[in-house]
PDB file of N, CA and C in Angstrom:
ATOM      1  N   MET A   1     -10.864  -7.679   3.143  1.00  0.00           N
ATOM      2  CA  MET A   1     -10.462  -6.334   2.914  1.00  0.00           C
ATOM      3  C   MET A   1     -11.736  -5.457   2.843  1.00  0.00           C
ATOM      4  N   ARG A   2     -11.611  -4.263   3.379  1.00  0.00           N
ATOM      5  CA  ARG A   2     -12.775  -3.370   3.417  1.00  0.00           C
ATOM      6  C   ARG A   2     -12.393  -2.039   2.770  1.00  0.00           C
ATOM      7  N   PHE A   3     -13.337  -1.597   1.910  1.00  0.00           N
ATOM      8  CA  PHE A   3     -13.133  -0.338   1.184  1.00  0.00           C
ATOM      9  C   PHE A   3     -14.445   0.421   1.179  1.00  0.00           C
ATOM     10  N   HIS A   4     -14.382   1.687   0.780  1.00  0.00           N
ATOM     11  CA  HIS A   4     -15.562   2.471   0.434  1.00  0.00           C
ATOM     12  C   HIS A   4     -15.324   2.881  -1.008  1.00  0.00           C
ATOM     13  N   THR A   5     -16.338   2.590  -1.882  1.00  0.00           N
ATOM     14  CA  THR A   5     -16.214   2.838  -3.296  1.00  0.00           C
ATOM     15  C   THR A   5     -17.589   3.062  -3.872  1.00  0.00           C
ATOM     16  N   CYS A   6     -17.629   3.606  -5.016  1.00  0.00           N
ATOM     17  CA  CYS A   6     -18.901   3.764  -5.771  1.00  0.00           C
ATOM     18  C   CYS A   6     -19.122   2.509  -6.589  1.00  0.00           C
ATOM     19  N   VAL A   7     -20.221   1.804  -6.308  1.00  0.00           N
ATOM     20  CA  VAL A   7     -20.497   0.575  -7.010  1.00  0.00           C
ATOM     21  C   VAL A   7     -22.001   0.332  -7.067  1.00  0.00           C
ATOM     22  N   GLY A   8     -22.488   0.102  -8.281  1.00  0.00           N
ATOM     23  CA  GLY A   8     -23.913  -0.264  -8.416  1.00  0.00           C
ATOM     24  C   GLY A   8     -24.537   0.368  -9.652  1.00  0.00           C
ATOM     25  N   LEU A   9     -25.749  -0.029  -9.895  1.00  0.00           N
ATOM     26  CA  LEU A   9     -26.441   0.421 -11.139  1.00  0.00           C
ATOM     27  C   LEU A   9     -27.336   1.639 -10.877  1.00  0.00           C
ATOM     28  N   LEU A  10     -27.769   1.884  -9.641  1.00  0.00           N
ATOM     29  CA  LEU A  10     -28.650   2.995  -9.360  1.00  0.00           C
ATOM     30  C   LEU A  10     -27.894   4.319  -9.453  1.00  0.00           C
ATOM     31  N   PRO A  11     -28.566   5.402  -9.849  1.00  0.00           N
ATOM     32  CA  PRO A  11     -27.908   6.727 -10.046  1.00  0.00           C
ATOM     33  C   PRO A  11     -27.100   7.163  -8.804  1.00  0.00           C
ATOM     34  N   HIS A  12     -27.682   7.064  -7.639  1.00  0.00           N
ATOM     35  CA  HIS A  12     -26.930   7.514  -6.435  1.00  0.00           C
ATOM     36  C   HIS A  12     -25.685   6.665  -6.161  1.00  0.00           C
ATOM     37  N   GLU A  13     -25.656   5.430  -6.643  1.00  0.00           N
ATOM     38  CA  GLU A  13     -24.536   4.528  -6.358  1.00  0.00           C
ATOM     39  C   GLU A  13     -23.325   4.912  -7.225  1.00  0.00           C
ATOM     40  N   HIS A  14     -23.536   5.770  -8.224  1.00  0.00           N
ATOM     41  CA  HIS A  14     -22.416   6.219  -9.092  1.00  0.00           C
ATOM     42  C   HIS A  14     -21.599   7.301  -8.406  1.00  0.00           C
ATOM     43  N   HIS A  15     -22.130   7.967  -7.408  1.00  0.00           N
ATOM     44  CA  HIS A  15     -21.391   9.088  -6.832  1.00  0.00           C
ATOM     45  C   HIS A  15     -21.370   9.087  -5.302  1.00  0.00           C
ATOM     46  N   VAL A  16     -22.035   8.165  -4.651  1.00  0.00           N
ATOM     47  CA  VAL A  16     -22.023   8.031  -3.214  1.00  0.00           C
ATOM     48  C   VAL A  16     -21.272   6.798  -2.833  1.00  0.00           C
ATOM     49  N   PRO A  17     -20.046   6.907  -2.281  1.00  0.00           N
ATOM     50  CA  PRO A  17     -19.290   5.703  -1.883  1.00  0.00           C
ATOM     51  C   PRO A  17     -20.031   4.928  -0.804  1.00  0.00           C
ATOM     52  N   GLN A  18     -19.902   3.604  -0.876  1.00  0.00           N
ATOM     53  CA  GLN A  18     -20.532   2.701   0.082  1.00  0.00           C
ATOM     54  C   GLN A  18     -19.578   1.615   0.457  1.00  0.00           C
ATOM     55  N   PRO A  19     -19.773   0.959   1.588  1.00  0.00           N
ATOM     56  CA  PRO A  19     -18.838  -0.102   2.002  1.00  0.00           C
ATOM     57  C   PRO A  19     -18.829  -1.287   1.031  1.00  0.00           C
ATOM     58  N   LEU A  20     -17.671  -1.860   0.922  1.00  0.00           N
ATOM     59  CA  LEU A  20     -17.475  -3.030   0.068  1.00  0.00           C
ATOM     60  C   LEU A  20     -16.469  -3.927   0.775  1.00  0.00           C
ATOM     61  N   GLU A  21     -16.787  -5.195   0.892  1.00  0.00           N
ATOM     62  CA  GLU A  21     -15.878  -6.169   1.504  1.00  0.00           C
ATOM     63  C   GLU A  21     -15.417  -7.113   0.464  1.00  0.00           C
ATOM     64  N   LEU A  22     -14.122  -7.417   0.432  1.00  0.00           N
ATOM     65  CA  LEU A  22     -13.552  -8.271  -0.622  1.00  0.00           C
ATOM     66  C   LEU A  22     -12.672  -9.344   0.036  1.00  0.00           C
ATOM     67  N   ASP A  23     -12.829 -10.585  -0.461  1.00  0.00           N
ATOM     68  CA  ASP A  23     -11.906 -11.725  -0.103  1.00  0.00           C
ATOM     69  C   ASP A  23     -11.154 -12.101  -1.402  1.00  0.00           C
ATOM     70  N   LEU A  24      -9.886 -12.267  -1.183  1.00  0.00           N
ATOM     71  CA  LEU A  24      -9.028 -12.761  -2.290  1.00  0.00           C
ATOM     72  C   LEU A  24      -8.258 -13.965  -1.838  1.00  0.00           C
ATOM     73  N   THR A  25      -8.470 -15.077  -2.552  1.00  0.00           N
ATOM     74  CA  THR A  25      -7.720 -16.316  -2.264  1.00  0.00           C
ATOM     75  C   THR A  25      -6.984 -16.703  -3.530  1.00  0.00           C
ATOM     76  N   VAL A  26      -5.684 -16.933  -3.351  1.00  0.00           N
ATOM     77  CA  VAL A  26      -4.892 -17.335  -4.491  1.00  0.00           C
ATOM     78  C   VAL A  26      -4.265 -18.727  -4.209  1.00  0.00           C
ATOM     79  N   TRP A  27      -4.121 -19.531  -5.236  1.00  0.00           N
ATOM     80  CA  TRP A  27      -3.376 -20.784  -5.181  1.00  0.00           C
ATOM     81  C   TRP A  27      -2.111 -20.585  -5.993  1.00  0.00           C
ATOM     82  N   VAL A  28      -1.010 -20.939  -5.408  1.00  0.00           N
ATOM     83  CA  VAL A  28       0.283 -20.744  -6.108  1.00  0.00           C
ATOM     84  C   VAL A  28       0.865 -22.151  -6.463  1.00  0.00           C
ATOM     85  N   SER A  29       1.753 -22.129  -7.431  1.00  0.00           N
ATOM     86  CA  SER A  29       2.316 -23.440  -7.843  1.00  0.00           C
ATOM     87  C   SER A  29       3.231 -23.971  -6.753  1.00  0.00           C
ATOM     88  N   LEU A  30       3.225 -25.272  -6.517  1.00  0.00           N
ATOM     89  CA  LEU A  30       4.035 -25.868  -5.513  1.00  0.00           C
ATOM     90  C   LEU A  30       5.526 -25.647  -5.720  1.00  0.00           C
ATOM     91  N   ARG A  31       5.917 -25.576  -6.984  1.00  0.00           N
ATOM     92  CA  ARG A  31       7.331 -25.363  -7.327  1.00  0.00           C
ATOM     93  C   ARG A  31       7.778 -24.042  -6.757  1.00  0.00           C
ATOM     94  N   ARG A  32       6.947 -23.036  -6.903  1.00  0.00           N
ATOM     95  CA  ARG A  32       7.290 -21.712  -6.431  1.00  0.00           C
ATOM     96  C   ARG A  32       7.523 -21.661  -4.937  1.00  0.00           C
ATOM     97  N   VAL A  33       6.604 -22.279  -4.188  1.00  0.00           N
ATOM     98  CA  VAL A  33       6.661 -22.273  -2.740  1.00  0.00           C
ATOM     99  C   VAL A  33       7.714 -23.307  -2.225  1.00  0.00           C
ATOM    100  N   GLY A  34       7.640 -24.510  -2.778  1.00  0.00           N
ATOM    101  CA  GLY A  34       8.423 -25.607  -2.214  1.00  0.00           C
ATOM    102  C   GLY A  34       9.889 -25.649  -2.495  1.00  0.00           C
ATOM    103  N   GLU A  35      10.355 -24.943  -3.512  1.00  0.00           N
ATOM    104  CA  GLU A  35      11.752 -25.064  -3.910  1.00  0.00           C
ATOM    105  C   GLU A  35      12.741 -24.124  -3.169  1.00  0.00           C
ATOM    106  N   THR A  36      12.218 -23.167  -2.482  1.00  0.00           N
ATOM    107  CA  THR A  36      13.097 -22.181  -1.900  1.00  0.00           C
ATOM    108  C   THR A  36      12.457 -21.499  -0.716  1.00  0.00           C
ATOM    109  N   ASP A  37      13.331 -21.068   0.200  1.00  0.00           N
ATOM    110  CA  ASP A  37      12.833 -20.205   1.302  1.00  0.00           C
ATOM    111  C   ASP A  37      13.126 -18.730   1.037  1.00  0.00           C
ATOM    112  N   SER A  38      13.532 -18.436  -0.151  1.00  0.00           N
ATOM    113  CA  SER A  38      13.855 -17.060  -0.501  1.00  0.00           C
ATOM    114  C   SER A  38      12.613 -16.208  -0.527  1.00  0.00           C
ATOM    115  N   PRO A  39      12.635 -15.053   0.129  1.00  0.00           N
ATOM    116  CA  PRO A  39      11.490 -14.170   0.103  1.00  0.00           C
ATOM    117  C   PRO A  39      11.087 -13.689  -1.282  1.00  0.00           C
ATOM    118  N   GLU A  40      12.072 -13.669  -2.239  1.00  0.00           N
ATOM    119  CA  GLU A  40      11.786 -13.217  -3.579  1.00  0.00           C
ATOM    120  C   GLU A  40      10.892 -14.213  -4.316  1.00  0.00           C
ATOM    121  N   ALA A  41      10.869 -15.477  -3.812  1.00  0.00           N
ATOM    122  CA  ALA A  41      10.120 -16.529  -4.515  1.00  0.00           C
ATOM    123  C   ALA A  41       8.644 -16.587  -4.007  1.00  0.00           C
ATOM    124  N   LEU A  42       8.351 -15.882  -3.023  1.00  0.00           N
ATOM    125  CA  LEU A  42       6.994 -15.882  -2.426  1.00  0.00           C
ATOM    126  C   LEU A  42       6.132 -14.712  -2.839  1.00  0.00           C
ATOM    127  N   LEU A  43       4.849 -14.845  -2.686  1.00  0.00           N
ATOM    128  CA  LEU A  43       3.923 -13.764  -2.941  1.00  0.00           C
ATOM    129  C   LEU A  43       4.009 -12.771  -1.749  1.00  0.00           C
ATOM    130  N   ASP A  44       3.978 -11.535  -2.058  1.00  0.00           N
ATOM    131  CA  ASP A  44       3.968 -10.490  -1.026  1.00  0.00           C
ATOM    132  C   ASP A  44       2.492 -10.067  -0.852  1.00  0.00           C
ATOM    133  N   TYR A  45       1.937 -10.320   0.300  1.00  0.00           N
ATOM    134  CA  TYR A  45       0.580  -9.968   0.572  1.00  0.00           C
ATOM    135  C   TYR A  45       0.256  -8.472   0.416  1.00  0.00           C
ATOM    136  N   ARG A  46       1.337  -7.706   0.667  1.00  0.00           N
ATOM    137  CA  ARG A  46       1.115  -6.218   0.513  1.00  0.00           C
ATOM    138  C   ARG A  46       0.913  -5.876  -0.950  1.00  0.00           C
ATOM    139  N   ASP A  47       1.554  -6.628  -1.866  1.00  0.00           N
ATOM    140  CA  ASP A  47       1.372  -6.414  -3.280  1.00  0.00           C
ATOM    141  C   ASP A  47      -0.058  -6.809  -3.712  1.00  0.00           C
ATOM    142  N   LEU A  48      -0.540  -7.941  -3.187  1.00  0.00           N
ATOM    143  CA  LEU A  48      -1.917  -8.344  -3.437  1.00  0.00           C
ATOM    144  C   LEU A  48      -2.905  -7.306  -2.975  1.00  0.00           C
ATOM    145  N   TYR A  49      -2.720  -6.863  -1.758  1.00  0.00           N
ATOM    146  CA  TYR A  49      -3.630  -5.848  -1.176  1.00  0.00           C
ATOM    147  C   TYR A  49      -3.620  -4.606  -1.977  1.00  0.00           C
ATOM    148  N   GLY A  50      -2.398  -4.167  -2.347  1.00  0.00           N
ATOM    149  CA  GLY A  50      -2.276  -2.950  -3.153  1.00  0.00           C
ATOM    150  C   GLY A  50      -2.942  -3.058  -4.501  1.00  0.00           C
ATOM    151  N   MET A  51      -2.853  -4.212  -5.153  1.00  0.00           N
ATOM    152  CA  MET A  51      -3.491  -4.452  -6.428  1.00  0.00           C
ATOM    153  C   MET A  51      -5.007  -4.364  -6.262  1.00  0.00           C
ATOM    154  N   VAL A  52      -5.565  -4.966  -5.226  1.00  0.00           N
ATOM    155  CA  VAL A  52      -6.990  -4.913  -4.970  1.00  0.00           C
ATOM    156  C   VAL A  52      -7.409  -3.461  -4.697  1.00  0.00           C
ATOM    157  N   ARG A  53      -6.678  -2.787  -3.851  1.00  0.00           N
ATOM    158  CA  ARG A  53      -7.019  -1.382  -3.465  1.00  0.00           C
ATOM    159  C   ARG A  53      -7.006  -0.496  -4.739  1.00  0.00           C
ATOM    160  N   GLU A  54      -6.008  -0.664  -5.548  1.00  0.00           N
ATOM    161  CA  GLU A  54      -5.903   0.140  -6.776  1.00  0.00           C
ATOM    162  C   GLU A  54      -7.095  -0.138  -7.719  1.00  0.00           C
ATOM    163  N   THR A  55      -7.442  -1.391  -7.857  1.00  0.00           N
ATOM    164  CA  THR A  55      -8.539  -1.790  -8.711  1.00  0.00           C
ATOM    165  C   THR A  55      -9.907  -1.213  -8.175  1.00  0.00           C
ATOM    166  N   VAL A  56     -10.104  -1.366  -6.892  1.00  0.00           N
ATOM    167  CA  VAL A  56     -11.350  -0.874  -6.301  1.00  0.00           C
ATOM    168  C   VAL A  56     -11.402   0.644  -6.389  1.00  0.00           C
ATOM    169  N   SER A  57     -10.266   1.317  -6.209  1.00  0.00           N
ATOM    170  CA  SER A  57     -10.222   2.798  -6.231  1.00  0.00           C
ATOM    171  C   SER A  57     -10.551   3.388  -7.600  1.00  0.00           C
ATOM    172  N   ALA A  58     -10.468   2.590  -8.643  1.00  0.00           N
ATOM    173  CA  ALA A  58     -10.779   3.033 -10.032  1.00  0.00           C
ATOM    174  C   ALA A  58     -12.262   3.075 -10.184  1.00  0.00           C
ATOM    175  N   SER A  59     -13.034   3.622  -9.284  1.00  0.00           N
ATOM    176  CA  SER A  59     -14.475   3.594  -9.354  1.00  0.00           C
ATOM    177  C   SER A  59     -14.999   4.755 -10.119  1.00  0.00           C
ATOM    178  N   PRO A  60     -16.243   4.808 -10.605  1.00  0.00           N
ATOM    179  CA  PRO A  60     -17.298   3.913 -10.136  1.00  0.00           C
ATOM    180  C   PRO A  60     -17.278   2.558 -10.911  1.00  0.00           C
ATOM    181  N   HIS A  61     -17.892   1.560 -10.193  1.00  0.00           N
ATOM    182  CA  HIS A  61     -18.065   0.217 -10.776  1.00  0.00           C
ATOM    183  C   HIS A  61     -19.553  -0.019 -10.892  1.00  0.00           C
ATOM    184  N   ARG A  62     -19.972  -0.455 -12.056  1.00  0.00           N
ATOM    185  CA  ARG A  62     -21.379  -0.741 -12.232  1.00  0.00           C
ATOM    186  C   ARG A  62     -21.787  -2.078 -11.645  1.00  0.00           C
ATOM    187  N   LEU A  63     -20.970  -3.112 -11.842  1.00  0.00           N
ATOM    188  CA  LEU A  63     -21.289  -4.459 -11.352  1.00  0.00           C
ATOM    189  C   LEU A  63     -20.206  -5.056 -10.504  1.00  0.00           C
ATOM    190  N   LEU A  64     -20.659  -5.736  -9.386  1.00  0.00           N
ATOM    191  CA  LEU A  64     -19.681  -6.454  -8.583  1.00  0.00           C
ATOM    192  C   LEU A  64     -18.993  -7.526  -9.380  1.00  0.00           C
ATOM    193  N   GLU A  65     -19.773  -8.153 -10.312  1.00  0.00           N
ATOM    194  CA  GLU A  65     -19.177  -9.249 -11.109  1.00  0.00           C
ATOM    195  C   GLU A  65     -18.026  -8.714 -11.939  1.00  0.00           C
ATOM    196  N   ALA A  66     -18.174  -7.557 -12.568  1.00  0.00           N
ATOM    197  CA  ALA A  66     -17.065  -7.021 -13.384  1.00  0.00           C
ATOM    198  C   ALA A  66     -15.828  -6.638 -12.493  1.00  0.00           C
ATOM    199  N   LEU A  67     -16.117  -6.098 -11.355  1.00  0.00           N
ATOM    200  CA  LEU A  67     -14.980  -5.765 -10.395  1.00  0.00           C
ATOM    201  C   LEU A  67     -14.227  -7.051  -9.991  1.00  0.00           C
ATOM    202  N   CYS A  68     -14.985  -8.110  -9.681  1.00  0.00           N
ATOM    203  CA  CYS A  68     -14.338  -9.372  -9.294  1.00  0.00           C
ATOM    204  C   CYS A  68     -13.530  -9.935 -10.433  1.00  0.00           C
ATOM    205  N   GLU A  69     -14.056  -9.815 -11.675  1.00  0.00           N
ATOM    206  CA  GLU A  69     -13.298 -10.292 -12.874  1.00  0.00           C
ATOM    207  C   GLU A  69     -12.034  -9.557 -13.048  1.00  0.00           C
ATOM    208  N   LYS A  70     -12.072  -8.255 -12.845  1.00  0.00           N
ATOM    209  CA  LYS A  70     -10.820  -7.449 -13.001  1.00  0.00           C
ATOM    210  C   LYS A  70      -9.767  -7.879 -11.989  1.00  0.00           C
ATOM    211  N   ILE A  71     -10.180  -8.048 -10.773  1.00  0.00           N
ATOM    212  CA  ILE A  71      -9.244  -8.415  -9.710  1.00  0.00           C
ATOM    213  C   ILE A  71      -8.709  -9.803  -9.993  1.00  0.00           C
ATOM    214  N   ALA A  72      -9.580 -10.730 -10.411  1.00  0.00           N
ATOM    215  CA  ALA A  72      -9.101 -12.115 -10.725  1.00  0.00           C
ATOM    216  C   ALA A  72      -8.070 -12.092 -11.869  1.00  0.00           C
ATOM    217  N   ALA A  73      -8.366 -11.346 -12.878  1.00  0.00           N
ATOM    218  CA  ALA A  73      -7.416 -11.304 -14.027  1.00  0.00           C
ATOM    219  C   ALA A  73      -6.067 -10.706 -13.604  1.00  0.00           C
ATOM    220  N   LYS A  74      -6.075  -9.645 -12.773  1.00  0.00           N
ATOM    221  CA  LYS A  74      -4.793  -9.083 -12.359  1.00  0.00           C
ATOM    222  C   LYS A  74      -4.081 -10.073 -11.427  1.00  0.00           C
ATOM    223  N   ALA A  75      -4.772 -10.836 -10.563  1.00  0.00           N
ATOM    224  CA  ALA A  75      -4.122 -11.795  -9.706  1.00  0.00           C
ATOM    225  C   ALA A  75      -3.478 -12.893 -10.553  1.00  0.00           C
ATOM    226  N   LEU A  76      -4.170 -13.368 -11.595  1.00  0.00           N
ATOM    227  CA  LEU A  76      -3.631 -14.451 -12.421  1.00  0.00           C
ATOM    228  C   LEU A  76      -2.399 -13.938 -13.230  1.00  0.00           C
ATOM    229  N   ASP A  77      -2.272 -12.626 -13.380  1.00  0.00           N
ATOM    230  CA  ASP A  77      -1.060 -12.114 -14.063  1.00  0.00           C
ATOM    231  C   ASP A  77       0.169 -12.173 -13.202  1.00  0.00           C
ATOM    232  N   ILE A  78       0.038 -12.450 -11.912  1.00  0.00           N
ATOM    233  CA  ILE A  78       1.143 -12.512 -10.993  1.00  0.00           C
ATOM    234  C   ILE A  78       1.846 -13.898 -11.176  1.00  0.00           C
ATOM    235  N   SER A  79       3.109 -13.885 -11.299  1.00  0.00           N
ATOM    236  CA  SER A  79       3.911 -15.087 -11.479  1.00  0.00           C
ATOM    237  C   SER A  79       3.641 -16.081 -10.344  1.00  0.00           C
ATOM    238  N   GLY A  80       3.341 -17.331 -10.730  1.00  0.00           N
ATOM    239  CA  GLY A  80       3.169 -18.354  -9.753  1.00  0.00           C
ATOM    240  C   GLY A  80       1.727 -18.586  -9.343  1.00  0.00           C
ATOM    241  N   VAL A  81       0.851 -17.632  -9.596  1.00  0.00           N
ATOM    242  CA  VAL A  81      -0.598 -17.770  -9.231  1.00  0.00           C
ATOM    243  C   VAL A  81      -1.265 -18.642 -10.218  1.00  0.00           C
ATOM    244  N   GLN A  82      -1.807 -19.720  -9.792  1.00  0.00           N
ATOM    245  CA  GLN A  82      -2.479 -20.748 -10.707  1.00  0.00           C
ATOM    246  C   GLN A  82      -3.990 -20.607 -10.724  1.00  0.00           C
ATOM    247  N   ARG A  83      -4.558 -20.318  -9.525  1.00  0.00           N
ATOM    248  CA  ARG A  83      -6.026 -20.173  -9.398  1.00  0.00           C
ATOM    249  C   ARG A  83      -6.309 -18.988  -8.477  1.00  0.00           C
ATOM    250  N   VAL A  84      -7.508 -18.447  -8.584  1.00  0.00           N
ATOM    251  CA  VAL A  84      -7.901 -17.337  -7.791  1.00  0.00           C
ATOM    252  C   VAL A  84      -9.424 -17.383  -7.501  1.00  0.00           C
ATOM    253  N   ARG A  85      -9.782 -16.972  -6.303  1.00  0.00           N
ATOM    254  CA  ARG A  85     -11.203 -16.781  -5.931  1.00  0.00           C
ATOM    255  C   ARG A  85     -11.320 -15.399  -5.378  1.00  0.00           C
ATOM    256  N   VAL A  86     -12.302 -14.680  -5.935  1.00  0.00           N
ATOM    257  CA  VAL A  86     -12.607 -13.316  -5.462  1.00  0.00           C
ATOM    258  C   VAL A  86     -14.041 -13.225  -5.056  1.00  0.00           C
ATOM    259  N   ALA A  87     -14.294 -12.852  -3.832  1.00  0.00           N
ATOM    260  CA  ALA A  87     -15.672 -12.640  -3.346  1.00  0.00           C
ATOM    261  C   ALA A  87     -15.867 -11.207  -2.937  1.00  0.00           C
ATOM    262  N   ALA A  88     -16.932 -10.563  -3.421  1.00  0.00           N
ATOM    263  CA  ALA A  88     -17.265  -9.185  -3.061  1.00  0.00           C
ATOM    264  C   ALA A  88     -18.604  -9.155  -2.437  1.00  0.00           C
ATOM    265  N   ARG A  89     -18.634  -8.493  -1.252  1.00  0.00           N
ATOM    266  CA  ARG A  89     -19.887  -8.342  -0.474  1.00  0.00           C
ATOM    267  C   ARG A  89     -20.219  -6.889  -0.394  1.00  0.00           C
ATOM    268  N   LYS A  90     -21.512  -6.610  -0.605  1.00  0.00           N
ATOM    269  CA  LYS A  90     -22.051  -5.234  -0.544  1.00  0.00           C
ATOM    270  C   LYS A  90     -23.031  -5.237   0.602  1.00  0.00           C
ATOM    271  N   PRO A  91     -22.604  -4.740   1.806  1.00  0.00           N
ATOM    272  CA  PRO A  91     -23.489  -4.822   2.981  1.00  0.00           C
ATOM    273  C   PRO A  91     -24.738  -3.944   2.889  1.00  0.00           C
ATOM    274  N   HIS A  92     -24.701  -2.884   2.152  1.00  0.00           N
ATOM    275  CA  HIS A  92     -25.831  -1.959   2.106  1.00  0.00           C
ATOM    276  C   HIS A  92     -26.536  -1.960   0.749  1.00  0.00           C
ATOM    277  N   ALA A  93     -26.737  -3.153   0.226  1.00  0.00           N
ATOM    278  CA  ALA A  93     -27.439  -3.236  -1.090  1.00  0.00           C
ATOM    279  C   ALA A  93     -28.857  -2.686  -0.947  1.00  0.00           C
ATOM    280  N   PRO A  94     -29.254  -1.924  -1.975  1.00  0.00           N
ATOM    281  CA  PRO A  94     -30.607  -1.299  -1.889  1.00  0.00           C
ATOM    282  C   PRO A  94     -31.692  -2.318  -2.287  1.00  0.00           C
ATOM    283  N   LEU A  95     -32.106  -3.096  -1.351  1.00  0.00           N
ATOM    284  CA  LEU A  95     -33.131  -4.147  -1.555  1.00  0.00           C
ATOM    285  C   LEU A  95     -34.386  -3.782  -0.718  1.00  0.00           C
ATOM    286  N   ASP A  96     -35.505  -4.372  -1.096  1.00  0.00           N
ATOM    287  CA  ASP A  96     -36.775  -4.061  -0.379  1.00  0.00           C
ATOM    288  C   ASP A  96     -37.015  -5.019   0.790  1.00  0.00           C
ATOM    289  N   GLY A  97     -36.015  -5.604   1.334  1.00  0.00           N
ATOM    290  CA  GLY A  97     -36.160  -6.495   2.458  1.00  0.00           C
ATOM    291  C   GLY A  97     -34.816  -6.583   3.238  1.00  0.00           C
ATOM    292  N   PRO A  98     -34.921  -7.190   4.449  1.00  0.00           N
ATOM    293  CA  PRO A  98     -33.727  -7.293   5.288  1.00  0.00           C
ATOM    294  C   PRO A  98     -32.757  -8.365   4.778  1.00  0.00           C
ATOM    295  N   VAL A  99     -31.460  -7.952   4.579  1.00  0.00           N
ATOM    296  CA  VAL A  99     -30.419  -8.883   4.200  1.00  0.00           C
ATOM    297  C   VAL A  99     -29.138  -8.337   4.867  1.00  0.00           C
ATOM    298  N   ASP A 100     -28.222  -9.236   5.175  1.00  0.00           N
ATOM    299  CA  ASP A 100     -26.942  -8.802   5.705  1.00  0.00           C
ATOM    300  C   ASP A 100     -26.059  -8.237   4.648  1.00  0.00           C
ATOM    301  N   HIS A 101     -26.130  -8.808   3.454  1.00  0.00           N
ATOM    302  CA  HIS A 101     -25.302  -8.354   2.335  1.00  0.00           C
ATOM    303  C   HIS A 101     -25.694  -9.124   1.061  1.00  0.00           C
ATOM    304  N   VAL A 102     -25.251  -8.607  -0.088  1.00  0.00           N
ATOM    305  CA  VAL A 102     -25.263  -9.390  -1.285  1.00  0.00           C
ATOM    306  C   VAL A 102     -23.838  -9.791  -1.620  1.00  0.00           C
ATOM    307  N   GLU A 103     -23.655 -10.899  -2.288  1.00  0.00           N
ATOM    308  CA  GLU A 103     -22.268 -11.372  -2.523  1.00  0.00           C
ATOM    309  C   GLU A 103     -22.134 -11.943  -3.940  1.00  0.00           C
ATOM    310  N   VAL A 104     -21.023 -11.708  -4.539  1.00  0.00           N
ATOM    311  CA  VAL A 104     -20.661 -12.308  -5.813  1.00  0.00           C
ATOM    312  C   VAL A 104     -19.329 -12.967  -5.629  1.00  0.00           C
ATOM    313  N   THR A 105     -19.222 -14.156  -6.115  1.00  0.00           N
ATOM    314  CA  THR A 105     -17.950 -14.905  -6.081  1.00  0.00           C
ATOM    315  C   THR A 105     -17.517 -15.362  -7.464  1.00  0.00           C
ATOM    316  N   VAL A 106     -16.231 -15.152  -7.799  1.00  0.00           N
ATOM    317  CA  VAL A 106     -15.701 -15.555  -9.056  1.00  0.00           C
ATOM    318  C   VAL A 106     -14.483 -16.430  -8.822  1.00  0.00           C
ATOM    319  N   HIS A 107     -14.426 -17.578  -9.531  1.00  0.00           N
ATOM    320  CA  HIS A 107     -13.323 -18.504  -9.501  1.00  0.00           C
ATOM    321  C   HIS A 107     -12.732 -18.530 -10.908  1.00  0.00           C
ATOM    322  N   ARG A 108     -11.415 -18.356 -11.017  1.00  0.00           N
ATOM    323  CA  ARG A 108     -10.736 -18.382 -12.286  1.00  0.00           C
ATOM    324  C   ARG A 108      -9.455 -19.142 -12.100  1.00  0.00           C
ATOM    325  N   GLN A 109      -8.930 -19.736 -13.182  1.00  0.00           N
ATOM    326  CA  GLN A 109      -7.607 -20.389 -13.139  1.00  0.00           C
ATOM    327  C   GLN A 109      -6.846 -20.119 -14.458  1.00  0.00           C
ATOM    328  N   ARG A 110      -5.545 -20.307 -14.365  1.00  0.00           N
ATOM    329  CA  ARG A 110      -4.756 -20.119 -15.554  1.00  0.00           C
ATOM    330  C   ARG A 110      -5.049 -21.192 -16.554  1.00  0.00           C
ATOM    331  N   ASP A 111      -5.043 -20.859 -17.833  1.00  0.00           N
ATOM    332  CA  ASP A 111      -5.187 -21.881 -18.855  1.00  0.00           C
ATOM    333  C   ASP A 111      -3.923 -22.685 -18.851  1.00  0.00           C
ATOM    334  N   GLU A 112      -4.066 -23.991 -18.910  1.00  0.00           N
ATOM    335  CA  GLU A 112      -2.838 -24.862 -18.846  1.00  0.00           C
ATOM    336  C   GLU A 112      -2.431 -25.224 -20.268  1.00  0.00           C
TER     337      GLU A 112
END
């Protein structure tokens, strides 16, 4: 997923939107997926995308880590989601050398 949002610790990053790329991977319980072909029993990707978009839109964000944590927590609140992986890439990180991007990845799972 690609968005433009305010993210970072530097003063200009608080008010100048910049590109942000996000990956969201969820693991669902086998019971939820395997027991029925009913669309109501499955995750709707549009809902996942909307949740991420809404969370990213609530900028500014100071830390990529905190943004990933918020997205992970909201994903785990969805019925059937057992584990989640959120990766956030910032292609234009203000560094003193050439890099393609900086990336933060968070893995979380439901307490059993």
